[in-house]
């Protein structure tokens, strides 16, 4: 999609500039094919108007705009900013699943206890544990440092 084709699908007649193309049925975010892949239209609008999105930043909708397919009221923020906006708007839903209740969990509570018991902090521990439990080294680091499975002590 070219920039011209993109802007032809935006209704600029109101305060919000609304995407009139494809909208995700569950999330309400506008979608388009851009730079060889499907992308959210608020991100595409940012790139077309402001340039590259810095690493670690998200394109967020400025409060009080809550229209997910608006491509006008945007700002760069962090994941924390996004959560705080949702809390202020009363739309934040904290996670309700933890540990093994998460569908994609590869480890069990017993695995985590065993990993924490085995881990000595010696060179090679993380690599060995990752191999033995079939997960990434970063997952093992997060387990032994209490970033993942915080609820399990």
N, C-alpha and C. Protein backbone atom coordinates (compact mmCIF):
# COMPACT_ATOMS: atom_id res chain seq x y z
N UNK A 1 0.85 -1.17 0.00
CA UNK A 1 0.00 0.00 0.00
C UNK A 1 0.90 1.24 0.00
N UNK A 2 0.61 2.15 -0.88
CA UNK A 2 1.36 3.40 -0.96
C UNK A 2 0.80 4.39 0.06
N UNK A 3 1.57 5.42 0.39
CA UNK A 3 1.04 6.45 1.30
C UNK A 3 -0.26 7.07 0.76
N UNK A 4 -0.33 7.31 -0.54
CA UNK A 4 -1.54 7.89 -1.13
C UNK A 4 -2.73 6.95 -0.93
N UNK A 5 -2.53 5.67 -1.19
CA UNK A 5 -3.61 4.68 -1.01
C UNK A 5 -4.03 4.62 0.47
N UNK A 6 -3.07 4.73 1.36
CA UNK A 6 -3.38 4.71 2.78
C UNK A 6 -4.31 5.87 3.13
N UNK A 7 -3.89 7.11 2.80
CA UNK A 7 -4.65 8.29 3.20
C UNK A 7 -6.01 8.37 2.51
N UNK A 8 -6.16 7.69 1.34
CA UNK A 8 -7.46 7.64 0.68
C UNK A 8 -8.48 6.84 1.49
N UNK A 9 -8.00 5.99 2.40
CA UNK A 9 -8.89 5.18 3.24
C UNK A 9 -9.12 5.79 4.62
N UNK A 10 -8.77 7.07 4.77
CA UNK A 10 -8.95 7.76 6.05
C UNK A 10 -10.00 8.85 5.87
N UNK A 11 -11.02 8.80 6.72
CA UNK A 11 -12.07 9.82 6.73
C UNK A 11 -11.62 10.94 7.67
N UNK A 12 -11.30 12.10 7.11
CA UNK A 12 -10.79 13.23 7.89
C UNK A 12 -11.87 14.28 8.16
N UNK A 13 -13.13 13.89 8.07
CA UNK A 13 -14.21 14.87 8.20
C UNK A 13 -14.53 15.25 9.65
N UNK A 14 -14.09 14.48 10.62
CA UNK A 14 -14.39 14.77 12.02
C UNK A 14 -13.13 15.06 12.81
N UNK A 15 -13.30 15.19 14.14
CA UNK A 15 -12.14 15.43 15.02
C UNK A 15 -11.16 14.27 14.94
N UNK A 16 -11.68 13.04 14.93
CA UNK A 16 -10.84 11.86 14.74
C UNK A 16 -10.73 11.58 13.25
N UNK A 17 -9.56 11.17 12.82
CA UNK A 17 -9.39 10.72 11.44
C UNK A 17 -9.55 9.21 11.47
N UNK A 18 -10.64 8.73 10.90
CA UNK A 18 -11.01 7.32 11.04
C UNK A 18 -10.63 6.49 9.83
N UNK A 19 -10.04 5.36 10.11
CA UNK A 19 -9.68 4.38 9.09
C UNK A 19 -10.95 3.74 8.58
N UNK A 20 -11.14 3.73 7.27
CA UNK A 20 -12.35 3.16 6.69
C UNK A 20 -12.10 1.81 6.04
N UNK A 21 -10.87 1.35 6.11
CA UNK A 21 -10.52 0.05 5.54
C UNK A 21 -10.80 -1.07 6.53
N UNK A 22 -10.00 -2.09 6.46
CA UNK A 22 -10.16 -3.30 7.28
C UNK A 22 -9.97 -2.99 8.77
N UNK A 23 -10.90 -3.52 9.59
CA UNK A 23 -10.82 -3.35 11.04
C UNK A 23 -10.91 -4.74 11.68
N UNK A 24 -9.99 -5.01 12.58
CA UNK A 24 -9.96 -6.32 13.25
C UNK A 24 -11.27 -6.51 14.02
N UNK A 25 -11.96 -7.62 13.80
CA UNK A 25 -13.28 -7.80 14.43
C UNK A 25 -13.25 -7.92 15.95
N UNK A 26 -12.14 -8.36 16.53
CA UNK A 26 -12.07 -8.54 17.98
C UNK A 26 -11.48 -7.33 18.70
N UNK A 27 -10.46 -6.73 18.11
CA UNK A 27 -9.76 -5.64 18.80
C UNK A 27 -10.27 -4.25 18.41
N UNK A 28 -10.83 -4.11 17.22
CA UNK A 28 -11.29 -2.81 16.75
C UNK A 28 -10.20 -1.95 16.15
N UNK A 29 -8.96 -2.47 16.09
CA UNK A 29 -7.87 -1.71 15.49
C UNK A 29 -7.92 -1.86 13.97
N UNK A 30 -7.63 -0.76 13.26
CA UNK A 30 -7.55 -0.80 11.82
C UNK A 30 -6.30 -1.55 11.38
N UNK A 31 -6.41 -2.25 10.26
CA UNK A 31 -5.29 -3.02 9.73
C UNK A 31 -5.09 -2.70 8.26
N UNK A 32 -3.83 -2.72 7.82
CA UNK A 32 -3.54 -2.58 6.40
C UNK A 32 -2.24 -3.31 6.08
N UNK A 33 -2.04 -3.55 4.80
CA UNK A 33 -0.82 -4.18 4.33
C UNK A 33 0.17 -3.06 4.03
N UNK A 34 1.30 -3.03 4.74
CA UNK A 34 2.27 -1.95 4.57
C UNK A 34 3.66 -2.52 4.81
N UNK A 35 4.60 -2.15 3.97
CA UNK A 35 5.99 -2.61 4.08
C UNK A 35 6.06 -4.14 4.09
N UNK A 36 5.19 -4.76 3.29
CA UNK A 36 5.25 -6.21 3.12
C UNK A 36 4.60 -7.05 4.20
N UNK A 37 3.84 -6.42 5.09
CA UNK A 37 3.16 -7.20 6.14
C UNK A 37 1.94 -6.44 6.66
N UNK A 38 1.07 -7.17 7.36
CA UNK A 38 -0.11 -6.56 7.96
C UNK A 38 0.31 -5.76 9.19
N UNK A 39 -0.17 -4.51 9.27
CA UNK A 39 0.20 -3.65 10.39
C UNK A 39 -1.02 -2.89 10.88
N UNK A 40 -0.95 -2.45 12.13
CA UNK A 40 -2.00 -1.60 12.68
C UNK A 40 -1.89 -0.22 12.04
N UNK A 41 -3.04 0.34 11.66
CA UNK A 41 -3.02 1.59 10.90
C UNK A 41 -2.53 2.78 11.73
N UNK A 42 -2.70 2.76 13.06
CA UNK A 42 -2.18 3.88 13.84
C UNK A 42 -0.65 3.90 13.79
N UNK A 43 -0.03 2.73 13.72
CA UNK A 43 1.43 2.66 13.58
C UNK A 43 1.87 3.14 12.20
N UNK A 44 1.12 2.73 11.18
CA UNK A 44 1.44 3.16 9.82
C UNK A 44 1.30 4.67 9.70
N UNK A 45 0.22 5.22 10.26
CA UNK A 45 0.00 6.67 10.21
C UNK A 45 1.17 7.40 10.86
N UNK A 46 1.63 6.87 12.00
CA UNK A 46 2.77 7.50 12.67
C UNK A 46 3.99 7.51 11.75
N UNK A 47 4.29 6.36 11.15
CA UNK A 47 5.45 6.26 10.27
C UNK A 47 5.34 7.22 9.09
N UNK A 48 4.16 7.34 8.52
CA UNK A 48 3.98 8.22 7.36
C UNK A 48 4.07 9.69 7.74
N UNK A 49 3.61 10.06 8.92
CA UNK A 49 3.61 11.47 9.32
C UNK A 49 4.85 11.88 10.10
N UNK A 50 5.39 10.97 10.90
CA UNK A 50 6.47 11.34 11.82
C UNK A 50 7.78 10.58 11.61
N UNK A 51 7.73 9.47 10.90
CA UNK A 51 8.95 8.69 10.68
C UNK A 51 9.01 7.44 11.55
N UNK A 52 10.21 6.96 11.72
CA UNK A 52 10.45 5.69 12.41
C UNK A 52 9.95 5.72 13.86
N UNK A 53 9.46 4.57 14.32
CA UNK A 53 9.05 4.41 15.71
C UNK A 53 10.27 3.90 16.48
N UNK A 54 10.75 4.66 17.46
CA UNK A 54 11.96 4.24 18.18
C UNK A 54 11.77 2.90 18.90
N UNK A 55 12.85 2.16 19.02
CA UNK A 55 12.83 0.88 19.72
C UNK A 55 12.35 1.09 21.15
N UNK A 56 11.46 0.21 21.60
CA UNK A 56 10.94 0.29 22.96
C UNK A 56 9.76 1.22 23.12
N UNK A 57 9.34 1.87 22.04
CA UNK A 57 8.20 2.78 22.10
C UNK A 57 7.00 2.18 21.39
N UNK A 58 5.83 2.57 21.84
CA UNK A 58 4.57 2.17 21.23
C UNK A 58 3.88 3.41 20.70
N UNK A 59 3.04 3.24 19.68
CA UNK A 59 2.20 4.34 19.22
C UNK A 59 0.88 4.20 19.95
N UNK A 60 0.55 5.20 20.77
CA UNK A 60 -0.63 5.16 21.62
C UNK A 60 -1.62 6.24 21.21
N UNK A 61 -2.87 6.04 21.60
CA UNK A 61 -3.91 7.03 21.34
C UNK A 61 -3.96 8.01 22.50
N UNK A 62 -3.92 9.31 22.18
CA UNK A 62 -3.95 10.35 23.22
C UNK A 62 -5.29 10.33 23.94
N UNK A 63 -5.26 10.28 25.26
CA UNK A 63 -6.52 10.44 25.99
C UNK A 63 -7.08 11.83 25.68
N UNK A 64 -8.34 12.04 25.54
CA UNK A 64 -9.41 11.08 25.80
C UNK A 64 -9.81 10.25 24.58
N UNK A 65 -9.07 10.33 23.46
CA UNK A 65 -9.43 9.56 22.27
C UNK A 65 -9.32 8.07 22.57
N UNK A 66 -10.40 7.36 22.42
CA UNK A 66 -10.44 5.91 22.66
C UNK A 66 -10.85 5.16 21.41
N UNK A 67 -10.78 5.83 20.26
CA UNK A 67 -11.18 5.21 19.01
C UNK A 67 -9.98 4.49 18.42
N UNK A 68 -10.02 3.18 18.43
CA UNK A 68 -8.86 2.38 18.05
C UNK A 68 -8.50 2.48 16.58
N UNK A 69 -9.43 2.90 15.74
CA UNK A 69 -9.08 3.05 14.33
C UNK A 69 -8.89 4.53 13.95
N UNK A 70 -8.68 5.37 14.97
CA UNK A 70 -8.31 6.78 14.74
C UNK A 70 -6.81 6.83 14.42
N UNK A 71 -6.46 7.62 13.40
CA UNK A 71 -5.04 7.73 13.03
C UNK A 71 -4.52 9.16 13.23
N UNK A 72 -5.25 9.95 14.02
CA UNK A 72 -4.85 11.34 14.24
C UNK A 72 -4.32 11.59 15.65
N UNK A 73 -5.02 11.18 16.67
CA UNK A 73 -4.66 11.51 18.06
C UNK A 73 -3.67 10.48 18.61
N UNK A 74 -2.42 10.63 18.22
CA UNK A 74 -1.40 9.63 18.54
C UNK A 74 -0.22 10.27 19.25
N UNK A 75 0.45 9.46 20.06
CA UNK A 75 1.71 9.88 20.68
C UNK A 75 2.56 8.65 20.94
N UNK A 76 3.85 8.86 21.12
CA UNK A 76 4.76 7.76 21.44
C UNK A 76 4.81 7.59 22.95
N UNK A 77 4.76 6.37 23.40
CA UNK A 77 4.84 6.09 24.83
C UNK A 77 5.39 4.70 25.07
N UNK A 78 5.44 4.33 26.32
CA UNK A 78 5.94 3.02 26.73
C UNK A 78 4.77 2.09 27.04
N UNK A 79 5.09 0.85 27.28
CA UNK A 79 4.07 -0.11 27.70
C UNK A 79 3.42 0.39 29.00
N UNK A 80 4.22 0.93 29.89
CA UNK A 80 3.70 1.47 31.16
C UNK A 80 2.70 2.60 30.90
N UNK A 81 3.03 3.49 29.97
CA UNK A 81 2.11 4.58 29.61
C UNK A 81 0.78 4.01 29.11
N UNK A 82 0.86 2.96 28.32
CA UNK A 82 -0.34 2.33 27.76
C UNK A 82 -1.21 1.76 28.89
N UNK A 83 -0.59 1.09 29.85
CA UNK A 83 -1.32 0.53 30.99
C UNK A 83 -1.95 1.65 31.82
N UNK A 84 -1.17 2.70 32.09
CA UNK A 84 -1.70 3.82 32.88
C UNK A 84 -2.88 4.50 32.18
N UNK A 85 -2.79 4.65 30.85
CA UNK A 85 -3.92 5.21 30.10
C UNK A 85 -5.17 4.34 30.26
N UNK A 86 -4.98 3.02 30.18
CA UNK A 86 -6.11 2.09 30.32
C UNK A 86 -6.70 2.13 31.73
N UNK A 87 -5.85 2.26 32.73
CA UNK A 87 -6.34 2.36 34.12
C UNK A 87 -7.17 3.63 34.28
N UNK A 88 -6.64 4.76 33.79
CA UNK A 88 -7.37 6.03 33.88
C UNK A 88 -8.70 5.98 33.15
N UNK A 89 -8.74 5.24 32.03
CA UNK A 89 -9.97 5.16 31.24
C UNK A 89 -10.93 4.11 31.77
N UNK A 90 -10.46 3.31 32.74
CA UNK A 90 -11.31 2.25 33.30
C UNK A 90 -11.44 1.04 32.40
N UNK A 91 -10.49 0.88 31.48
CA UNK A 91 -10.56 -0.25 30.55
C UNK A 91 -9.48 -1.30 30.80
N UNK A 92 -8.68 -1.12 31.85
CA UNK A 92 -7.61 -2.07 32.14
C UNK A 92 -8.17 -3.33 32.76
N UNK A 93 -7.79 -4.46 32.20
CA UNK A 93 -8.17 -5.76 32.76
C UNK A 93 -6.89 -6.51 33.11
N UNK A 94 -6.54 -6.60 34.40
CA UNK A 94 -5.30 -7.28 34.77
C UNK A 94 -5.36 -8.75 34.37
N UNK A 95 -4.19 -9.35 34.16
CA UNK A 95 -4.17 -10.76 33.78
C UNK A 95 -4.85 -11.62 34.84
N UNK A 96 -5.57 -12.61 34.40
CA UNK A 96 -6.26 -13.49 35.34
C UNK A 96 -5.65 -14.88 35.38
N UNK A 97 -4.73 -15.16 34.48
CA UNK A 97 -4.08 -16.48 34.45
C UNK A 97 -2.62 -16.34 34.84
N UNK A 98 -2.14 -17.31 35.60
CA UNK A 98 -0.76 -17.34 36.04
C UNK A 98 -0.22 -18.76 35.88
N UNK A 99 1.09 -18.84 35.71
CA UNK A 99 1.75 -20.14 35.68
C UNK A 99 1.15 -21.11 34.69
N UNK A 100 0.81 -22.29 35.15
CA UNK A 100 0.31 -23.35 34.28
C UNK A 100 -1.05 -23.02 33.68
N UNK A 101 -1.76 -22.05 34.22
CA UNK A 101 -3.06 -21.66 33.68
C UNK A 101 -2.94 -20.89 32.37
N UNK A 102 -1.73 -20.42 32.05
CA UNK A 102 -1.50 -19.74 30.78
C UNK A 102 -1.34 -20.82 29.72
N UNK A 103 -2.13 -20.73 28.67
CA UNK A 103 -2.18 -21.78 27.64
C UNK A 103 -0.81 -22.07 27.03
N UNK A 104 0.01 -21.06 26.87
CA UNK A 104 1.30 -21.24 26.21
C UNK A 104 2.43 -21.66 27.17
N UNK A 105 2.13 -21.87 28.44
CA UNK A 105 3.17 -22.21 29.42
C UNK A 105 3.85 -23.51 29.05
N UNK A 106 5.17 -23.49 29.07
CA UNK A 106 5.94 -24.70 28.77
C UNK A 106 6.43 -25.37 30.05
N UNK A 107 6.45 -24.62 31.13
CA UNK A 107 6.92 -25.15 32.40
C UNK A 107 5.75 -25.35 33.36
N UNK A 108 5.93 -26.28 34.27
CA UNK A 108 4.94 -26.49 35.33
C UNK A 108 5.49 -25.90 36.62
N UNK A 109 4.66 -25.82 37.63
CA UNK A 109 5.10 -25.32 38.93
C UNK A 109 6.22 -26.21 39.48
N UNK A 110 6.10 -27.52 39.28
CA UNK A 110 7.15 -28.43 39.74
C UNK A 110 8.46 -28.19 38.99
N UNK A 111 8.37 -27.91 37.67
CA UNK A 111 9.58 -27.59 36.89
C UNK A 111 10.26 -26.36 37.48
N UNK A 112 9.49 -25.33 37.77
CA UNK A 112 10.04 -24.07 38.28
C UNK A 112 10.72 -24.31 39.63
N UNK A 113 10.09 -25.07 40.51
CA UNK A 113 10.70 -25.37 41.82
C UNK A 113 12.02 -26.12 41.62
N UNK A 114 12.01 -27.07 40.68
CA UNK A 114 13.21 -27.85 40.42
C UNK A 114 14.31 -26.97 39.83
N UNK A 115 13.98 -26.10 38.89
CA UNK A 115 14.96 -25.19 38.29
C UNK A 115 15.58 -24.32 39.37
N UNK A 116 14.77 -23.75 40.23
CA UNK A 116 15.28 -22.87 41.28
C UNK A 116 16.13 -23.65 42.30
N UNK A 117 15.81 -24.91 42.51
CA UNK A 117 16.59 -25.73 43.44
C UNK A 117 17.95 -26.10 42.82
N UNK A 118 17.96 -26.42 41.53
CA UNK A 118 19.18 -26.86 40.84
C UNK A 118 20.14 -25.69 40.59
N UNK A 119 19.59 -24.52 40.27
CA UNK A 119 20.40 -23.38 39.86
C UNK A 119 21.36 -22.97 40.97
N UNK A 120 22.65 -22.91 40.63
CA UNK A 120 23.67 -22.54 41.61
C UNK A 120 24.33 -21.20 41.30
N UNK A 121 24.07 -20.68 40.10
CA UNK A 121 24.71 -19.44 39.70
C UNK A 121 26.05 -19.66 39.02
N UNK A 122 26.42 -20.92 38.85
CA UNK A 122 27.69 -21.22 38.19
C UNK A 122 27.56 -21.04 36.69
N UNK A 123 28.70 -20.78 36.05
CA UNK A 123 28.74 -20.64 34.60
C UNK A 123 28.21 -21.92 33.95
N UNK A 124 27.29 -21.77 33.03
CA UNK A 124 26.75 -22.92 32.30
C UNK A 124 25.43 -23.44 32.85
N UNK A 125 25.07 -23.07 34.08
CA UNK A 125 23.81 -23.54 34.66
C UNK A 125 22.61 -23.19 33.79
N UNK A 126 22.54 -21.94 33.35
CA UNK A 126 21.38 -21.49 32.58
C UNK A 126 21.26 -22.24 31.27
N UNK A 127 22.38 -22.43 30.58
CA UNK A 127 22.37 -23.16 29.31
C UNK A 127 21.93 -24.60 29.52
N UNK A 128 22.46 -25.24 30.56
CA UNK A 128 22.11 -26.63 30.85
C UNK A 128 20.62 -26.76 31.19
N UNK A 129 20.12 -25.87 32.04
CA UNK A 129 18.72 -25.92 32.43
C UNK A 129 17.80 -25.65 31.24
N UNK A 130 18.17 -24.71 30.39
CA UNK A 130 17.37 -24.41 29.20
C UNK A 130 17.27 -25.65 28.31
N UNK A 131 18.38 -26.30 28.11
CA UNK A 131 18.41 -27.52 27.28
C UNK A 131 17.56 -28.62 27.93
N UNK A 132 17.74 -28.85 29.22
CA UNK A 132 17.04 -29.93 29.91
C UNK A 132 15.53 -29.71 29.99
N UNK A 133 15.09 -28.45 30.09
CA UNK A 133 13.66 -28.18 30.23
C UNK A 133 13.00 -27.73 28.92
N UNK A 134 13.80 -27.64 27.85
CA UNK A 134 13.24 -27.33 26.54
C UNK A 134 12.71 -25.91 26.39
N UNK A 135 13.36 -24.97 27.08
CA UNK A 135 12.96 -23.55 26.97
C UNK A 135 14.20 -22.73 26.67
N UNK A 136 14.00 -21.44 26.43
CA UNK A 136 15.12 -20.56 26.10
C UNK A 136 15.94 -20.21 27.35
N UNK A 137 17.15 -19.76 27.10
CA UNK A 137 18.00 -19.29 28.21
C UNK A 137 17.35 -18.11 28.92
N UNK A 138 16.71 -17.20 28.14
CA UNK A 138 16.08 -16.04 28.76
C UNK A 138 14.91 -16.45 29.66
N UNK A 139 14.22 -17.53 29.29
CA UNK A 139 13.12 -18.03 30.15
C UNK A 139 13.69 -18.55 31.47
N UNK A 140 14.80 -19.26 31.40
CA UNK A 140 15.42 -19.77 32.64
C UNK A 140 15.90 -18.61 33.50
N UNK A 141 16.52 -17.60 32.89
CA UNK A 141 16.97 -16.43 33.65
C UNK A 141 15.79 -15.77 34.37
N UNK A 142 14.68 -15.63 33.65
CA UNK A 142 13.50 -14.99 34.23
C UNK A 142 12.93 -15.82 35.37
N UNK A 143 13.02 -17.13 35.28
CA UNK A 143 12.53 -18.01 36.35
C UNK A 143 13.42 -17.89 37.59
N UNK A 144 14.74 -17.99 37.40
CA UNK A 144 15.63 -18.00 38.56
C UNK A 144 15.74 -16.63 39.23
N UNK A 145 15.47 -15.57 38.48
CA UNK A 145 15.53 -14.22 39.06
C UNK A 145 14.17 -13.71 39.49
N UNK A 146 13.15 -14.57 39.41
CA UNK A 146 11.83 -14.23 39.93
C UNK A 146 11.02 -13.27 39.06
N UNK A 147 11.40 -13.12 37.80
CA UNK A 147 10.63 -12.27 36.89
C UNK A 147 9.41 -13.03 36.40
N UNK A 148 9.60 -14.30 36.03
CA UNK A 148 8.49 -15.20 35.69
C UNK A 148 8.16 -16.03 36.92
N UNK A 149 6.92 -16.41 37.04
CA UNK A 149 6.45 -17.27 38.14
C UNK A 149 6.66 -16.58 39.47
N UNK A 150 6.41 -15.29 39.54
CA UNK A 150 6.55 -14.52 40.78
C UNK A 150 5.67 -15.07 41.89
N UNK A 151 4.51 -15.57 41.49
CA UNK A 151 3.54 -16.04 42.48
C UNK A 151 3.98 -17.32 43.17
N UNK A 152 5.04 -17.94 42.65
CA UNK A 152 5.51 -19.21 43.18
C UNK A 152 6.81 -18.98 43.94
N UNK A 153 6.78 -19.23 45.22
CA UNK A 153 7.98 -18.98 46.03
C UNK A 153 8.55 -20.27 46.55
